[in-house]
C-alpha atoms as a PDB file:
ATOM      1  CA  MET A   1     -26.341  -7.284   0.283  1.00  0.00           C
ATOM      2  CA  PHE A   2     -22.616  -6.703   0.667  1.00  0.00           C
ATOM      3  CA  THR A   3     -21.566  -8.214   3.764  1.00  0.00           C
ATOM      4  CA  LEU A   4     -18.280  -9.493   5.654  1.00  0.00           C
ATOM      5  CA  ASN A   5     -18.002 -12.283   7.916  1.00  0.00           C
ATOM      6  CA  ASN A   6     -14.978 -12.295  10.259  1.00  0.00           C
ATOM      7  CA  ASP A   7     -12.390 -13.782   9.000  1.00  0.00           C
ATOM      8  CA  GLN A   8     -12.373 -11.516   5.809  1.00  0.00           C
ATOM      9  CA  ILE A   9     -11.994  -8.702   8.136  1.00  0.00           C
ATOM     10  CA  LEU A  10      -9.025 -10.233   9.760  1.00  0.00           C
ATOM     11  CA  VAL A  11      -7.298 -10.902   6.828  1.00  0.00           C
ATOM     12  CA  ILE A  12      -7.861  -6.913   6.014  1.00  0.00           C
ATOM     13  CA  ILE A  13      -6.671  -5.918   9.194  1.00  0.00           C
ATOM     14  CA  TYR A  14      -3.964  -8.039   9.043  1.00  0.00           C
ATOM     15  CA  CYS A  15      -2.631  -7.150   5.533  1.00  0.00           C
ATOM     16  CA  CYS A  16      -3.214  -3.412   6.386  1.00  0.00           C
ATOM     17  CA  VAL A  17      -0.834  -3.729   9.577  1.00  0.00           C
ATOM     18  CA  VAL A  18       1.775  -5.863   7.757  1.00  0.00           C
ATOM     19  CA  THR A  19       1.925  -3.298   4.943  1.00  0.00           C
ATOM     20  CA  ILE A  20       2.022  -0.511   7.500  1.00  0.00           C
ATOM     21  CA  VAL A  21       4.866  -2.401   9.284  1.00  0.00           C
ATOM     22  CA  ILE A  22       6.796  -3.153   5.833  1.00  0.00           C
ATOM     23  CA  GLU A  23       6.307   0.193   4.487  1.00  0.00           C
ATOM     24  CA  GLY A  24       6.698   2.215   7.750  1.00  0.00           C
ATOM     25  CA  VAL A  25      10.582   0.012   7.690  1.00  0.00           C
ATOM     26  CA  VAL A  26      11.180   1.019   4.273  1.00  0.00           C
ATOM     27  CA  ALA A  27      10.216   4.758   4.862  1.00  0.00           C
ATOM     28  CA  MET A  28      12.814   5.353   7.567  1.00  0.00           C
ATOM     29  CA  THR A  29      15.221   3.590   5.685  1.00  0.00           C
ATOM     30  CA  ILE A  30      14.502   6.178   3.146  1.00  0.00           C
ATOM     31  CA  LYS A  31      15.179   8.903   5.511  1.00  0.00           C
ATOM     32  CA  ALA A  32      18.143   7.151   6.778  1.00  0.00           C
ATOM     33  CA  VAL A  33      19.791   6.876   4.107  1.00  0.00           C
ATOM     34  CA  LYS A  34      18.496  10.367   2.976  1.00  0.00           C
ATOM     35  CA  LEU A  35      17.375   8.999   0.034  1.00  0.00           C
ATOM     36  CA  TRP A  36      15.602  11.748  -2.244  1.00  0.00           C
ATOM     37  CA  ASP A  37      15.336  14.899  -0.617  1.00  0.00           C
ATOM     38  CA  THR A  38      13.477  13.803   2.338  1.00  0.00           C
ATOM     39  CA  GLN A  39      15.474  16.086   4.940  1.00  0.00           C
ATOM     40  CA  LEU A  40      12.339  18.711   4.988  1.00  0.00           C
ATOM     41  CA  ILE A  41       9.981  16.575   6.535  1.00  0.00           C
ATOM     42  CA  SER A  42      10.377  14.692  10.170  1.00  0.00           C
ATOM     43  CA  ILE A  43      10.590  10.775  10.350  1.00  0.00           C
ATOM     44  CA  GLU A  44       6.983  10.834  12.081  1.00  0.00           C
ATOM     45  CA  LYS A  45       5.599  12.880   9.768  1.00  0.00           C
ATOM     46  CA  LEU A  46       7.030  10.304   6.884  1.00  0.00           C
ATOM     47  CA  LEU A  47       5.423   7.607   9.068  1.00  0.00           C
ATOM     48  CA  LEU A  48       2.594   9.347   9.440  1.00  0.00           C
ATOM     49  CA  ALA A  49       2.024   9.746   6.005  1.00  0.00           C
ATOM     50  CA  THR A  50       2.429   5.991   5.461  1.00  0.00           C
ATOM     51  CA  ILE A  51       0.098   5.240   7.724  1.00  0.00           C
ATOM     52  CA  CYS A  52      -2.275   7.694   6.540  1.00  0.00           C
ATOM     53  CA  CYS A  53      -2.236   6.477   2.891  1.00  0.00           C
ATOM     54  CA  ASN A  54      -2.368   2.936   4.217  1.00  0.00           C
ATOM     55  CA  ILE A  55      -5.813   3.210   6.072  1.00  0.00           C
ATOM     56  CA  LEU A  56      -7.183   4.962   3.555  1.00  0.00           C
ATOM     57  CA  THR A  57      -5.758   2.296   0.104  1.00  0.00           C
ATOM     58  CA  ASN A  58      -4.754  -1.001   1.468  1.00  0.00           C
ATOM     59  CA  PRO A  59      -8.185  -1.828   2.787  1.00  0.00           C
ATOM     60  CA  ILE A  60      -9.956  -1.244  -0.819  1.00  0.00           C
ATOM     61  CA  LEU A  61      -7.951  -3.532  -2.506  1.00  0.00           C
ATOM     62  CA  ASN A  62      -7.779  -6.254  -0.271  1.00  0.00           C
ATOM     63  CA  LEU A  63     -11.469  -6.205   0.012  1.00  0.00           C
ATOM     64  CA  TYR A  64     -11.497  -6.506  -3.688  1.00  0.00           C
ATOM     65  CA  ILE A  65      -9.295  -9.565  -3.710  1.00  0.00           C
ATOM     66  CA  GLN A  66     -11.442 -10.975  -0.605  1.00  0.00           C
ATOM     67  CA  LYS A  67     -14.805 -10.131  -2.724  1.00  0.00           C
ATOM     68  CA  CYS A  68     -13.366 -11.890  -5.800  1.00  0.00           C
ATOM     69  CA  ILE A  69     -12.041 -14.775  -3.935  1.00  0.00           C
ATOM     70  CA  GLU A  70     -15.974 -15.085  -2.146  1.00  0.00           C
ATOM     71  CA  TYR A  71     -17.414 -15.445  -5.574  1.00  0.00           C
ATOM     72  CA  GLN A  72     -14.710 -17.486  -7.016  1.00  0.00           C
ATOM     73  CA  VAL A  73     -13.704 -15.598  -9.540  1.00  0.00           C
ATOM     74  CA  ALA A  74     -11.037 -18.035 -10.686  1.00  0.00           C
ATOM     75  CA  TYR A  75     -12.307 -18.276 -14.043  1.00  0.00           C
ATOM     76  CA  PHE A  76     -11.524 -14.533 -15.256  1.00  0.00           C
ATOM     77  CA  ILE A  77      -7.737 -15.024 -13.052  1.00  0.00           C
ATOM     78  CA  THR A  78      -5.902 -13.158 -15.895  1.00  0.00           C
ATOM     79  CA  TYR A  79      -8.705 -10.528 -15.869  1.00  0.00           C
ATOM     80  CA  ILE A  80      -8.635 -10.030 -12.202  1.00  0.00           C
ATOM     81  CA  ALA A  81      -5.074  -9.883 -12.289  1.00  0.00           C
ATOM     82  CA  TYR A  82      -5.027  -6.619 -14.851  1.00  0.00           C
ATOM     83  CA  ILE A  83      -7.790  -4.712 -12.420  1.00  0.00           C
ATOM     84  CA  ILE A  84      -5.351  -5.851  -9.120  1.00  0.00           C
ATOM     85  CA  LEU A  85      -2.560  -3.705 -11.232  1.00  0.00           C
ATOM     86  CA  PHE A  86      -4.843  -1.498 -12.093  1.00  0.00           C
ATOM     87  CA  LEU A  87      -5.734  -0.337  -8.287  1.00  0.00           C
ATOM     88  CA  GLU A  88      -2.201  -1.054  -7.512  1.00  0.00           C
ATOM     89  CA  LEU A  89      -1.357   1.811  -9.823  1.00  0.00           C
ATOM     90  CA  LEU A  90      -3.910   3.839  -9.106  1.00  0.00           C
ATOM     91  CA  ILE A  91      -3.323   3.445  -5.196  1.00  0.00           C
ATOM     92  CA  VAL A  92       0.389   4.822  -6.225  1.00  0.00           C
ATOM     93  CA  VAL A  93      -0.841   7.816  -7.538  1.00  0.00           C
ATOM     94  CA  VAL A  94      -3.396   8.426  -4.641  1.00  0.00           C
ATOM     95  CA  GLU A  95      -0.831   7.685  -2.431  1.00  0.00           C
ATOM     96  CA  ALA A  96       1.566  10.082  -4.199  1.00  0.00           C
ATOM     97  CA  PHE A  97      -0.935  13.114  -4.224  1.00  0.00           C
ATOM     98  CA  ILE A  98      -1.138  12.423  -0.058  1.00  0.00           C
ATOM     99  CA  LEU A  99       2.470  12.245   0.746  1.00  0.00           C
ATOM    100  CA  ARG A 100       2.969  15.798  -1.733  1.00  0.00           C
ATOM    101  CA  TYR A 101       0.833  16.979   1.026  1.00  0.00           C
ATOM    102  CA  PHE A 102       3.234  15.697   3.909  1.00  0.00           C
ATOM    103  CA  ILE A 103       6.712  15.952   2.056  1.00  0.00           C
ATOM    104  CA  LYS A 104       5.843  19.477   0.661  1.00  0.00           C
ATOM    105  CA  ASN A 105       8.678  18.323  -2.425  1.00  0.00           C
ATOM    106  CA  SER A 106       7.664  17.533  -6.073  1.00  0.00           C
ATOM    107  CA  TYR A 107       4.971  15.105  -7.352  1.00  0.00           C
ATOM    108  CA  ARG A 108       7.679  13.566  -9.013  1.00  0.00           C
ATOM    109  CA  GLN A 109       9.366  12.659  -5.567  1.00  0.00           C
ATOM    110  CA  ALA A 110       6.398  11.941  -3.957  1.00  0.00           C
ATOM    111  CA  PHE A 111       5.280   9.181  -6.594  1.00  0.00           C
ATOM    112  CA  ILE A 112       8.579   7.926  -6.616  1.00  0.00           C
ATOM    113  CA  ILE A 113       8.512   7.151  -2.935  1.00  0.00           C
ATOM    114  CA  SER A 114       5.055   5.740  -3.029  1.00  0.00           C
ATOM    115  CA  LEU A 115       5.862   3.338  -6.096  1.00  0.00           C
ATOM    116  CA  THR A 116       9.309   2.150  -3.611  1.00  0.00           C
ATOM    117  CA  LEU A 117       6.957   1.630  -0.905  1.00  0.00           C
ATOM    118  CA  ASN A 118       4.407  -0.375  -2.688  1.00  0.00           C
ATOM    119  CA  LEU A 119       6.886  -2.402  -4.486  1.00  0.00           C
ATOM    120  CA  SER A 120       8.790  -3.071  -1.232  1.00  0.00           C
ATOM    121  CA  SER A 121       5.049  -4.036   0.551  1.00  0.00           C
ATOM    122  CA  TRP A 122       3.883  -6.221  -2.498  1.00  0.00           C
ATOM    123  CA  PHE A 123       8.064  -8.533  -2.203  1.00  0.00           C
ATOM    124  CA  GLY A 124       7.359  -8.422   1.556  1.00  0.00           C
ATOM    125  CA  GLY A 125       4.189  -9.543   0.868  1.00  0.00           C
ATOM    126  CA  LYS A 126       4.818 -12.587  -1.840  1.00  0.00           C
ATOM    127  CA  MET A 127       7.876 -13.527   0.768  1.00  0.00           C
ATOM    128  CA  LEU A 128       5.500 -14.058   3.808  1.00  0.00           C
ATOM    129  CA  LEU A 129       2.872 -15.725   1.813  1.00  0.00           C
ATOM    130  CA  SER A 130       5.962 -18.263   0.987  1.00  0.00           C
ATOM    131  CA  LEU A 131       6.949 -18.963   4.138  1.00  0.00           C
END
């Protein structure tokens, strides 16, 4: 049976909140310095889009990672890394579609914003883990 203990739930929530904060700051920076064409969207709408994207996608990836840790799939670490990379790329594509809906610009632009936000949260997470 598929179950989560309290620690796993807290880790998933923590990762989601940290990701939303990091990507929210980067989204506000993108808007503030007018990178790409985000003039058509308010900062509130861009933040709402970022939050929606992360609530939908972040727990899935973190749940997968938690289950890999739980089942001690360390023998296949390279294999897992490829799956996580694939899931991350899939998440960028899905988030780009969601952002496209919010920003009403080209899919290419939404994809670049999604990729930028996800790279920033990945690097931010790596920095936090190294503390």
